Structures are given as C-alpha cells and as structure tokens.
C-alpha cells in the first residue's frame, strides 16, 4: 500500500492537505514540498490507563501557589559578548539555537567557548559535517586546549543519544541540525520532519537530564531552508549571526530568549585565530571614518541597554534612467524611500530625479527611527556636495510633515556621543522632561528638517 504523504511549507512549516503554489500562512510562493507521512502509534483512549500500564507516573495539574520557583542556574561561556546576548550566561538545561548563513562563524564560536567550558564542565561536541581529525585541527588553529572536550562525528540521532547517556556531558554542541536524521523516519536529513523530530529529542535531553544544548542551524538570506525558522517555537533561545562573510565584524543578535531580553547584541571581529570580542563597538565601527567628506553622518542607536554609534553614508547623483535607482544596505528600504520623499517635499531638495544609495558601515542593520535624521543629513550632504561637520552627530525621528520627534534614552545616547569625542549633537527641539547636556557637548535643537539643513548645510 502506498504511504500517505503530507505537504509542508519550507518557509514557515505550515502543513497543507494538498500542494499549492502559494502558502496561505506566510504568503511565500513555491515553498510547498511533499513529505511522506510518519506512521502514528496507536494511543490508548485513557491517558491514566496508559500511564499506569507503563508504570510511569502521570502528570497532574498543580495549583500555581504550590509550585516552587528557583532562580535558573547560569554559567559563563567565557565570552562576555555571548553572555550578554544570552542574558547573563547560559542556563543549565536550556536549548539554544545558533543560526546564520554558512561560513559566518557559528562553528568557530561554539568551538571557542569549549575552551572555557571545559575548565568546569564536560563538553561533548557532535559534528555531522566534519571528522574528529578536522575538528581537532581547527581547535589547534583556534588554540583550544581540548582538556575535557569529547568529539564525535555522527549523524544518527540514536547513536548521539546513546553517546550522551554514556558520557553524561554537562554541555552538548550539535553541528548542525540539518545533518542529523532519525533512522525510523523515511524523510531525508534536513527535511522539516527530520529537523523537528531531532530537535524534539534534543529538547527532551535538555529538559529531562539537565544538559545544556547548543544547536547550530544554517539558513540562507531568505531563511527559507528547513532550520531555525521552523524551530524557533521549539527552543529556549534563538541567536542569529549577522554580517557579510567578506566583512570583519559579526553581529550576534537574540531573536528569542526565554531567560533574558531579546534586544541585546554582541559584536565580534573575525581574525586569524577565530572570533575576537569587540567590547567597544562604537569605536570600532567608526574607525577609518573620512573627514570632511560629503554624504556621511553619525547617529546613535540603542541595542538593548547599550548605545552604539553608527555611520550612515549616502550617495546621491543625477540619474540617466527614467526610473532612478534606489539601493539601501543596512537600512530599511521602505524607510529610506519615505525619507527621500520627505526630503524633497519638506526639505526643498529635488532628489526625485537622482539615484540614491544608502549604506550603514560595519554590517549593522538600523531599524530604529532615531537614525532618520542622520540618514536625511547624509542624503542632503551628498546632494549639495557639502560635508556635515566631522564632530557632529544627529539623533531624531523624522515625520511625514518634516518635523523631528524625540526618542527614548536620549541621555544615554548623548553620553556615548560625548565619550567618543563629538562636540556637537543635533537633536529634536521638543523633548520630554529635562535634559542636561554632557560637559563639552553642544546641543543644537531644531524643530524640522528645514531648520536642520539651514543650520548645517
């Protein structure tokens, strides 16, 4: 008898009764794939009868006031930036998913933290992509001692679970989830059903035996491959590596964290001996900034509780095409189109017939409205070919009428601006509450973008 099949969306994991060209859940096209349906085990009609027959205690509902709460047991991974993103360190018995494009540095980061974890814990590193010899050669290059580190090259989930029961590690690292497969499943490794089943088994290891599990998952730029996008609801913490492979800086961002905040970032620099922490990202991101060059402006954004200075560069040139070309890198494209329209309508600059290019230096992605004013000034500076003062930063949200609105944590932003050596800062005229300017920093208050352009350009 032919096995029954189900259809899945590789973008969101939605199950469908038949094939469709467009997924009704996420709206993605050509993402529906056919997978054989797993055989279901017949269940007893009575959960209590099934539990008593197996000799296993059945869970009963408990009153909330009777449940004891204890602080989660955290431990440091040895890398301050990673501990910051995790919310103060890794939690015992948690399942952490580290996602990102292939070659971005996920395996390097996991192998580097083993050097510190092995000092007080037993670590099992399971790889389905490399042999034990390859992992050891990479560990020697990264100067990882390997004392207390156990390596296993395995893709069979049952063999992995047996190795965990035999070694009893405190920390388990799986590289990667797409290479694991369950022998009872007929689906190929990396499919949605295999990835979900393997992750569920790892979650049972983490919760049942108190093993801290780090799982690596590969995604492409669209996140459509079966991996982190499908597993986000199953794990405790989702970390994403951002940045281009040819760029030195890497941004580690938490997309989900049940044990901490999700708005923190960690900054790393890819060096010859692995990933190096960047404790002062503002200074690193502004290194090499040109002086007295048109089309550049600095702003300050909040990444969690950490203020970070970022440089926005713009290039506006007359277009020879009927439809001017618009490119945005590191800045929301729709937001950049909105700012160009406001700049022409409210600022009086005829940029509608010009090609416009917007770029954020260092691999950062700015999705905060506080960067609007700096983007407008960079575009206007390039259009008029007049530089923004090198010692000036701009902070503020731009509205559709050209007005400037205040942003949160303005005092922290100004303190970071002053610490990095800037002497002037352009801010909205109307702010909530009292604001004391840091010593040595001049505040230029403007009400709209016309006043900002008149004051600087």
Protein backbone atom coordinates (compact mmCIF):
# COMPACT_ATOMS: atom_id res chain seq x y z
CA UNK A 1 0.00 0.00 0.00
CA UNK A 2 1.34 3.41 -0.93
CA UNK A 3 2.37 5.53 2.01
CA UNK A 4 0.36 8.65 2.66
CA UNK A 5 2.03 11.99 2.07
CA UNK A 6 1.71 15.44 3.57
CA UNK A 7 2.74 18.81 2.21
CA UNK A 8 4.83 21.34 4.18
CA UNK A 9 5.88 24.93 3.62
CA UNK A 10 9.68 25.29 3.89
CA UNK A 11 9.26 28.94 4.85
CA UNK A 12 7.03 28.63 7.93
CA UNK A 13 6.49 24.86 8.40
CA UNK A 14 2.73 25.05 7.82
CA UNK A 15 1.11 21.69 6.98
CA UNK A 16 -1.25 21.53 3.99
CA UNK A 17 -3.59 18.76 2.75
CA UNK A 18 -2.51 19.23 -0.86
CA UNK A 19 0.08 21.03 -2.93
CA UNK A 20 -0.41 24.73 -3.56
CA UNK A 21 1.64 27.33 -5.35
CA UNK A 22 1.34 29.84 -2.51
CA UNK A 23 1.43 29.13 1.22
CA UNK A 24 -1.77 30.51 2.83
CA UNK A 25 0.04 31.05 6.16
CA UNK A 26 3.10 33.11 5.21
CA UNK A 27 2.27 34.05 1.60
CA UNK A 28 5.51 32.63 0.15
CA UNK A 29 5.50 31.21 -3.37
CA UNK A 30 6.96 27.86 -4.47
CA UNK A 31 7.83 26.74 -0.93
CA UNK A 32 5.48 23.74 -0.65
CA UNK A 33 7.26 20.36 -0.59
CA UNK A 34 5.89 16.84 -0.30
CA UNK A 35 6.96 14.64 2.58
CA UNK A 36 5.86 11.09 3.47
CA UNK A 37 3.56 10.95 6.48
CA UNK A 38 5.05 9.25 9.51
CA UNK A 39 3.26 6.24 10.87
CA UNK A 40 1.38 7.14 14.03
CA UNK A 41 1.46 4.91 17.09
CA UNK A 42 -1.91 3.85 18.37
CA UNK A 43 -2.68 5.53 21.65
CA UNK A 44 -4.81 4.28 24.47
CA UNK A 45 -8.11 6.05 24.96
CA UNK A 46 -7.31 6.63 28.62
CA UNK A 47 -4.10 8.53 29.43
CA UNK A 48 -4.31 7.35 33.01
CA UNK A 49 -4.61 3.75 31.92
CA UNK A 50 -1.65 4.13 29.56
CA UNK A 51 0.49 5.68 32.26
CA UNK A 52 -0.35 3.02 34.84
CA UNK A 53 0.22 0.23 32.31
CA UNK A 54 3.72 1.52 31.58
CA UNK A 55 4.48 2.08 35.23
CA UNK A 56 5.07 5.81 34.66
CA UNK A 57 3.60 8.45 36.90
CA UNK A 58 1.08 10.63 35.10
CA UNK A 59 1.38 14.41 35.49
CA UNK A 60 -1.50 16.02 37.35
CA UNK A 61 -2.48 19.70 37.37
CA UNK A 62 -0.94 21.69 40.21
CA UNK A 63 -2.01 24.92 41.82
CA UNK A 64 0.34 27.76 40.95
CA UNK A 65 0.89 28.68 44.59
CA UNK A 66 2.14 25.14 45.29
CA UNK A 67 4.83 25.27 42.61
CA UNK A 68 8.26 26.20 43.92
CA UNK A 69 10.30 28.66 41.89
CA UNK A 70 14.07 28.83 42.00
CA UNK A 71 16.47 31.04 40.12
CA UNK A 72 17.86 29.43 37.00
CA UNK A 73 21.41 28.17 37.27
CA UNK A 74 23.59 30.23 34.94
CA UNK A 75 27.22 29.79 33.99
CA UNK A 76 29.57 31.86 31.89
CA UNK A 77 30.57 30.73 28.43
CA UNK A 78 33.90 32.57 28.65
CA UNK A 79 32.92 35.20 26.05
CA UNK A 80 31.40 38.34 27.51
CA UNK A 81 29.57 39.32 24.32
CA UNK A 82 27.86 35.92 24.12
CA UNK A 83 26.95 36.05 27.82
CA UNK A 84 25.41 39.49 27.27
CA UNK A 85 23.19 38.24 24.45
CA UNK A 86 22.16 35.16 26.45
CA UNK A 87 21.04 37.39 29.32
CA UNK A 88 23.98 36.90 31.68
CA UNK A 89 25.26 33.47 30.67
CA UNK A 90 23.98 30.09 29.54
CA UNK A 91 21.22 28.42 31.57
CA UNK A 92 21.55 24.81 32.65
CA UNK A 93 19.09 22.56 30.85
CA UNK A 94 18.33 25.09 28.10
CA UNK A 95 18.23 24.51 24.35
CA UNK A 96 19.94 27.28 22.36
CA UNK A 97 19.72 27.52 18.58
CA UNK A 98 22.54 29.40 16.81
CA UNK A 99 21.55 30.26 13.24
CA UNK A 100 23.14 32.08 10.38
CA UNK A 101 24.43 31.77 6.84
CA UNK A 102 27.05 29.07 6.13
CA UNK A 103 30.58 30.29 6.83
CA UNK A 104 29.53 33.20 9.05
CA UNK A 105 31.37 31.83 12.13
CA UNK A 106 28.87 29.70 14.08
CA UNK A 107 31.09 26.61 14.38
CA UNK A 108 34.07 28.80 15.24
CA UNK A 109 32.19 30.46 18.08
CA UNK A 110 30.94 27.15 19.50
CA UNK A 111 34.42 25.63 19.42
CA UNK A 112 35.96 28.69 21.06
CA UNK A 113 33.59 28.63 24.04
CA UNK A 114 34.58 24.99 24.64
CA UNK A 115 37.98 26.19 25.85
CA UNK A 116 36.38 27.93 28.84
CA UNK A 117 33.52 25.47 29.40
CA UNK A 118 35.91 22.53 29.68
CA UNK A 119 37.51 24.09 32.77
CA UNK A 120 34.47 23.30 34.92
CA UNK A 121 32.19 21.15 32.75
CA UNK A 122 32.25 18.11 30.49
CA UNK A 123 31.54 19.04 26.86
CA UNK A 124 30.51 16.74 24.01
CA UNK A 125 30.92 18.23 20.52
CA UNK A 126 28.96 16.30 17.88
CA UNK A 127 29.60 17.15 14.23
CA UNK A 128 27.86 15.75 11.20
CA UNK A 129 29.90 17.82 8.76
CA UNK A 130 33.49 17.22 9.89
CA UNK A 131 35.54 14.30 11.13
CA UNK A 132 37.19 14.24 14.55
CA UNK A 133 40.54 14.94 12.92
CA UNK A 134 39.22 18.03 11.14
CA UNK A 135 37.72 19.36 14.36
CA UNK A 136 41.00 18.84 16.21
CA UNK A 137 42.97 20.65 13.50
CA UNK A 138 40.56 23.58 13.71
CA UNK A 139 40.75 23.55 17.52
CA UNK A 140 44.55 23.74 17.35
CA UNK A 141 44.31 26.69 14.99
CA UNK A 142 41.94 28.42 17.41
CA UNK A 143 44.24 27.50 20.34
CA UNK A 144 41.57 25.44 22.10
CA UNK A 145 43.28 23.13 24.58
CA UNK A 146 40.58 20.44 24.47
CA UNK A 147 41.03 19.28 28.06
CA UNK A 148 37.67 17.74 28.96
CA UNK A 149 36.33 18.07 25.40
CA UNK A 150 34.94 14.96 23.69
CA UNK A 151 34.46 14.82 19.92
CA UNK A 152 32.00 12.67 17.97
CA UNK A 153 31.40 12.58 14.21
CA UNK A 154 27.86 11.23 13.95
CA UNK A 155 24.64 11.89 12.05
CA UNK A 156 22.44 9.13 13.52
CA UNK A 157 20.23 10.55 16.26
CA UNK A 158 20.01 7.27 18.20
CA UNK A 159 23.82 6.94 18.30
CA UNK A 160 24.05 10.54 19.50
CA UNK A 161 21.58 9.90 22.33
CA UNK A 162 23.47 6.73 23.32
CA UNK A 163 26.72 8.71 23.43
CA UNK A 164 25.11 11.33 25.68
CA UNK A 165 23.87 8.64 28.07
CA UNK A 166 27.30 7.05 28.11
CA UNK A 167 29.43 10.20 28.54
CA UNK A 168 26.96 12.18 30.70
CA UNK A 169 28.16 15.59 29.47
CA UNK A 170 27.16 18.90 31.01
CA UNK A 171 27.13 20.71 27.66
CA UNK A 172 26.20 19.25 24.26
CA UNK A 173 27.02 21.02 20.98
CA UNK A 174 25.41 19.75 17.75
CA UNK A 175 26.83 20.94 14.43
CA UNK A 176 24.49 21.01 12.60
CA UNK A 177 20.82 20.12 12.99
CA UNK A 178 20.43 19.68 9.20
CA UNK A 179 22.81 16.71 9.19
CA UNK A 180 21.02 14.69 11.89
CA UNK A 181 18.46 12.05 10.97
CA UNK A 182 16.23 9.59 12.82
CA UNK A 183 16.56 6.05 11.41
CA UNK A 184 12.84 5.35 11.85
CA UNK A 185 11.90 8.28 9.63
CA UNK A 186 11.88 7.88 5.85
CA UNK A 187 12.44 11.58 5.19
CA UNK A 188 15.91 12.71 4.08
CA UNK A 189 18.20 14.59 6.52
CA UNK A 190 17.48 18.29 6.59
CA UNK A 191 13.78 17.93 5.80
CA UNK A 192 11.21 19.58 8.03
CA UNK A 193 10.04 16.34 9.65
CA UNK A 194 13.62 15.19 10.37
CA UNK A 195 14.68 18.56 11.76
CA UNK A 196 11.63 18.78 14.02
CA UNK A 197 11.97 15.22 15.29
CA UNK A 198 15.68 15.54 16.02
CA UNK A 199 15.18 18.87 17.79
CA UNK A 200 12.40 17.40 19.92
CA UNK A 201 14.73 14.59 21.00
CA UNK A 202 17.43 17.10 21.91
CA UNK A 203 14.90 19.15 23.87
CA UNK A 204 13.97 16.06 25.88
CA UNK A 205 17.66 15.55 26.67
CA UNK A 206 18.00 19.15 27.80
CA UNK A 207 14.87 19.22 29.97
CA UNK A 208 14.99 15.65 31.24
CA UNK A 209 18.69 15.31 32.09
CA UNK A 210 19.70 18.95 32.62
CA UNK A 211 22.12 19.06 29.68
CA UNK A 212 22.73 22.48 28.14
CA UNK A 213 22.39 22.00 24.39
CA UNK A 214 23.70 24.32 21.67
CA UNK A 215 22.35 23.52 18.21
CA UNK A 216 23.75 25.07 15.01
CA UNK A 217 21.38 25.64 12.08
CA UNK A 218 22.17 27.01 8.63
CA UNK A 219 19.87 29.46 6.88
CA UNK A 220 20.10 31.40 3.65
CA UNK A 221 19.32 35.09 3.24
CA UNK A 222 15.59 34.41 2.92
CA UNK A 223 15.54 31.96 5.85
CA UNK A 224 13.53 29.54 3.71
CA UNK A 225 15.63 26.42 4.34
CA UNK A 226 14.38 23.93 6.95
CA UNK A 227 16.20 25.05 10.07
CA UNK A 228 15.99 27.94 12.53
CA UNK A 229 12.84 29.49 11.06
CA UNK A 230 10.98 26.22 11.60
CA UNK A 231 12.41 25.57 15.07
CA UNK A 232 12.09 28.99 16.70
CA UNK A 233 8.99 27.95 18.67
CA UNK A 234 10.62 24.75 19.98
CA UNK A 235 13.83 26.06 21.54
CA UNK A 236 14.50 28.32 24.54
CA UNK A 237 16.82 30.78 22.83
CA UNK A 238 17.44 31.72 19.19
CA UNK A 239 20.67 33.52 18.29
CA UNK A 240 21.41 34.80 14.81
CA UNK A 241 24.77 35.69 13.34
CA UNK A 242 24.53 38.70 11.04
CA UNK A 243 27.08 40.25 8.73
CA UNK A 244 28.74 39.51 5.43
CA UNK A 245 31.35 36.80 5.05
CA UNK A 246 33.85 39.22 3.49
CA UNK A 247 33.45 41.73 6.34
CA UNK A 248 35.44 41.56 9.55
CA UNK A 249 32.63 42.32 12.02
CA UNK A 250 29.90 39.90 13.04
CA UNK A 251 26.74 40.81 14.94
CA UNK A 252 25.19 38.21 17.26
CA UNK A 253 21.55 39.04 17.96
CA UNK A 254 18.93 37.27 20.10
CA UNK A 255 15.64 36.75 18.24
CA UNK A 256 14.09 34.82 21.14
CA UNK A 257 15.19 34.30 24.74
CA UNK A 258 13.06 32.77 27.47
CA UNK A 259 15.68 33.63 30.10
CA UNK A 260 16.57 37.20 29.14
CA UNK A 261 15.98 40.19 26.89
CA UNK A 262 15.83 39.92 23.10
CA UNK A 263 17.21 43.35 22.25
CA UNK A 264 20.88 42.80 23.10
CA UNK A 265 23.64 42.32 20.54
CA UNK A 266 27.19 41.01 20.70
CA UNK A 267 29.88 42.28 18.36
CA UNK A 268 32.75 40.08 17.21
CA UNK A 269 35.62 40.53 14.79
CA UNK A 270 36.79 37.65 12.61
CA UNK A 271 40.57 37.33 12.98
CA UNK A 272 43.16 34.72 12.01
CA UNK A 273 42.74 32.94 15.34
CA UNK A 274 38.93 32.96 15.38
CA UNK A 275 36.35 35.40 16.66
CA UNK A 276 37.58 38.23 18.89
CA UNK A 277 35.22 40.15 21.15
CA UNK A 278 34.66 43.86 20.48
CA UNK A 279 33.79 45.37 23.88
CA UNK A 280 33.56 48.91 22.44
CA UNK A 281 31.63 48.54 19.16
CA UNK A 282 31.10 52.28 18.66
CA UNK A 283 34.82 52.99 18.46
CA UNK A 284 35.40 50.01 16.19
CA UNK A 285 32.56 50.88 13.80
CA UNK A 286 33.75 54.49 13.47
CA UNK A 287 37.38 53.56 12.81
CA UNK A 288 38.58 54.86 9.43
CA UNK A 289 35.75 57.38 9.06
CA UNK A 290 36.69 60.00 6.44
CA UNK A 291 36.90 63.61 7.48
CA UNK A 292 35.28 66.50 5.58
CA UNK A 293 33.69 64.09 3.09
CA UNK A 294 30.15 64.83 1.83
CA UNK A 295 27.47 62.21 2.32
CA UNK A 296 28.28 60.85 5.79
CA UNK A 297 26.73 61.39 9.21
CA UNK A 298 26.90 59.64 12.59
CA UNK A 299 23.95 58.65 14.74
CA UNK A 300 23.45 56.74 18.00
CA UNK A 301 21.08 53.78 18.28
CA UNK A 302 20.18 51.64 21.27
CA UNK A 303 20.93 47.93 21.08
CA UNK A 304 19.32 46.71 24.27
CA UNK A 305 20.86 48.76 27.09
CA UNK A 306 23.97 49.55 25.05
CA UNK A 307 24.20 52.77 22.98
CA UNK A 308 26.06 52.19 19.71
CA UNK A 309 27.32 54.87 17.32
CA UNK A 310 26.87 54.06 13.64
CA UNK A 311 27.99 55.85 10.49
CA UNK A 312 25.46 56.31 7.69
CA UNK A 313 26.82 57.05 4.22
CA UNK A 314 24.79 58.29 1.26
CA UNK A 315 25.48 58.93 -2.40
CA UNK A 316 23.04 60.99 -4.49
CA UNK A 317 23.85 61.50 -8.18
CA UNK A 318 21.78 62.60 -11.21
CA UNK A 319 20.12 59.66 -12.89
CA UNK A 320 20.29 58.86 -16.60
CA UNK A 321 17.37 56.42 -16.33
CA UNK A 322 13.66 57.03 -16.48
CA UNK A 323 13.24 55.41 -13.09
CA UNK A 324 16.03 56.46 -10.70
CA UNK A 325 17.89 53.65 -8.98
CA UNK A 326 17.49 53.35 -5.21
CA UNK A 327 19.65 51.00 -3.09
CA UNK A 328 19.68 50.59 0.69
CA UNK A 329 22.15 48.44 2.64
CA UNK A 330 21.79 48.12 6.42
CA UNK A 331 18.81 50.50 6.42
CA UNK A 332 15.16 49.63 5.86
CA UNK A 333 14.40 50.17 2.17
CA UNK A 334 10.84 51.40 2.68
CA UNK A 335 12.04 53.78 5.37
CA UNK A 336 14.73 55.20 3.09
CA UNK A 337 12.15 55.81 0.33
CA UNK A 338 9.96 57.62 2.85
CA UNK A 339 12.86 59.85 3.94
CA UNK A 340 13.70 60.70 0.31
CA UNK A 341 10.11 61.76 -0.28
CA UNK A 342 10.09 63.91 2.88
CA UNK A 343 13.46 65.42 1.92
CA UNK A 344 12.07 66.54 -1.44
CA UNK A 345 8.65 67.68 -0.26
CA UNK A 346 9.54 69.27 3.09
CA UNK A 347 13.25 69.93 2.66
CA UNK A 348 13.09 71.50 -0.77
CA UNK A 349 15.76 69.29 -2.37
CA UNK A 350 14.90 67.89 -5.82
CA UNK A 351 16.14 64.34 -5.31
CA UNK A 352 13.32 62.70 -7.28
CA UNK A 353 15.42 62.50 -10.48
CA UNK A 354 18.55 61.27 -8.74
CA UNK A 355 19.96 57.83 -7.99
CA UNK A 356 20.22 57.39 -4.24
CA UNK A 357 22.39 54.89 -2.36
CA UNK A 358 22.30 54.46 1.41
CA UNK A 359 24.78 52.33 3.36
CA UNK A 360 25.45 51.62 7.05
CA UNK A 361 29.12 50.95 7.80
CA UNK A 362 30.22 47.85 9.71
CA UNK A 363 27.42 45.41 8.89
CA UNK A 364 24.87 46.93 11.28
CA UNK A 365 21.18 46.99 10.40
CA UNK A 366 19.42 50.10 11.69
CA UNK A 367 15.70 49.61 12.21
CA UNK A 368 15.27 52.34 14.84
CA UNK A 369 13.60 55.68 13.98
CA UNK A 370 16.36 57.53 15.86
CA UNK A 371 18.57 57.11 12.75
CA UNK A 372 16.17 59.04 10.49
CA UNK A 373 17.76 62.46 10.98
CA UNK A 374 21.28 61.20 10.29
CA UNK A 375 20.09 59.50 7.09
CA UNK A 376 18.40 62.70 5.90
CA UNK A 377 21.52 64.75 6.62
CA UNK A 378 23.74 62.26 4.79
CA UNK A 379 21.46 62.35 1.72
CA UNK A 380 21.28 66.16 1.75
CA UNK A 381 25.04 66.43 2.26
CA UNK A 382 25.71 64.26 -0.78
CA UNK A 383 23.13 66.11 -2.89
CA UNK A 384 24.62 69.54 -2.08
CA UNK A 385 28.17 68.17 -2.00
CA UNK A 386 28.78 69.84 1.36
CA UNK A 387 30.18 67.83 4.28
CA UNK A 388 28.50 67.53 7.66
CA UNK A 389 30.88 68.70 10.43
CA UNK A 390 33.12 65.82 11.46
CA UNK A 391 32.49 66.38 15.18
CA UNK A 392 28.68 66.36 14.88
CA UNK A 393 26.17 63.54 15.45
CA UNK A 394 22.44 63.57 14.73
CA UNK A 395 19.65 61.84 16.67
CA UNK A 396 15.95 62.09 15.95
CA UNK A 397 12.89 60.63 14.24
CA UNK A 398 11.56 62.32 11.10
CA UNK A 399 7.81 62.55 10.50
CA UNK A 400 5.96 62.86 7.19
CA UNK A 401 5.49 66.60 7.71
CA UNK A 402 9.24 67.03 8.20
CA UNK A 403 9.02 67.53 11.96
CA UNK A 404 11.55 65.99 14.33
CA UNK A 405 10.35 63.85 17.21
CA UNK A 406 12.20 62.81 20.32
CA UNK A 407 13.47 59.28 21.00
CA UNK A 408 13.89 57.21 24.13
CA UNK A 409 17.06 57.05 26.26
CA UNK A 410 18.32 60.33 24.84
CA UNK A 411 20.54 60.97 27.87
CA UNK A 412 22.39 57.68 27.41
CA UNK A 413 22.86 58.36 23.71
CA UNK A 414 24.30 61.81 24.36
CA UNK A 415 26.70 60.44 26.95
CA UNK A 416 28.02 57.92 24.41
CA UNK A 417 28.31 60.64 21.76
CA UNK A 418 30.35 62.81 24.14
CA UNK A 419 32.54 59.87 25.19
CA UNK A 420 33.55 59.21 21.60
CA UNK A 421 34.86 62.77 21.20
CA UNK A 422 31.96 64.53 19.42
CA UNK A 423 31.41 68.16 20.40
CA UNK A 424 28.02 68.83 18.74
CA UNK A 425 24.79 66.89 18.51
CA UNK A 426 21.66 67.71 16.53
CA UNK A 427 18.50 66.74 18.46
CA UNK A 428 14.75 67.50 18.26
CA UNK A 429 13.66 70.80 19.74
CA UNK A 430 10.75 69.31 21.66
CA UNK A 431 11.74 66.68 24.18
CA UNK A 432 10.04 65.20 27.20
CA UNK A 433 11.35 66.26 30.59
CA UNK A 434 14.60 68.00 31.40
CA UNK A 435 17.78 67.12 29.54
CA UNK A 436 21.20 68.05 30.81
CA UNK A 437 23.87 68.21 28.15
CA UNK A 438 27.09 66.32 28.96
CA UNK A 439 30.10 68.51 29.60
CA UNK A 440 31.79 69.52 26.37
CA UNK A 441 28.83 68.62 24.13
CA UNK A 442 26.84 71.38 22.42
CA UNK A 443 23.20 70.55 21.73
CA UNK A 444 21.68 72.03 18.55
CA UNK A 445 17.89 71.89 18.82
CA UNK A 446 15.85 72.03 15.60
CA UNK A 447 12.12 71.59 15.02
CA UNK A 448 12.12 70.21 11.46
CA UNK A 449 14.44 69.13 8.68
CA UNK A 450 14.43 72.60 7.05
CA UNK A 451 15.95 74.08 10.20
CA UNK A 452 18.43 71.19 10.36
CA UNK A 453 19.56 71.73 6.77
CA UNK A 454 19.78 75.51 7.30
CA UNK A 455 21.88 75.07 10.46
CA UNK A 456 24.41 72.68 8.91
CA UNK A 457 24.40 72.95 5.13
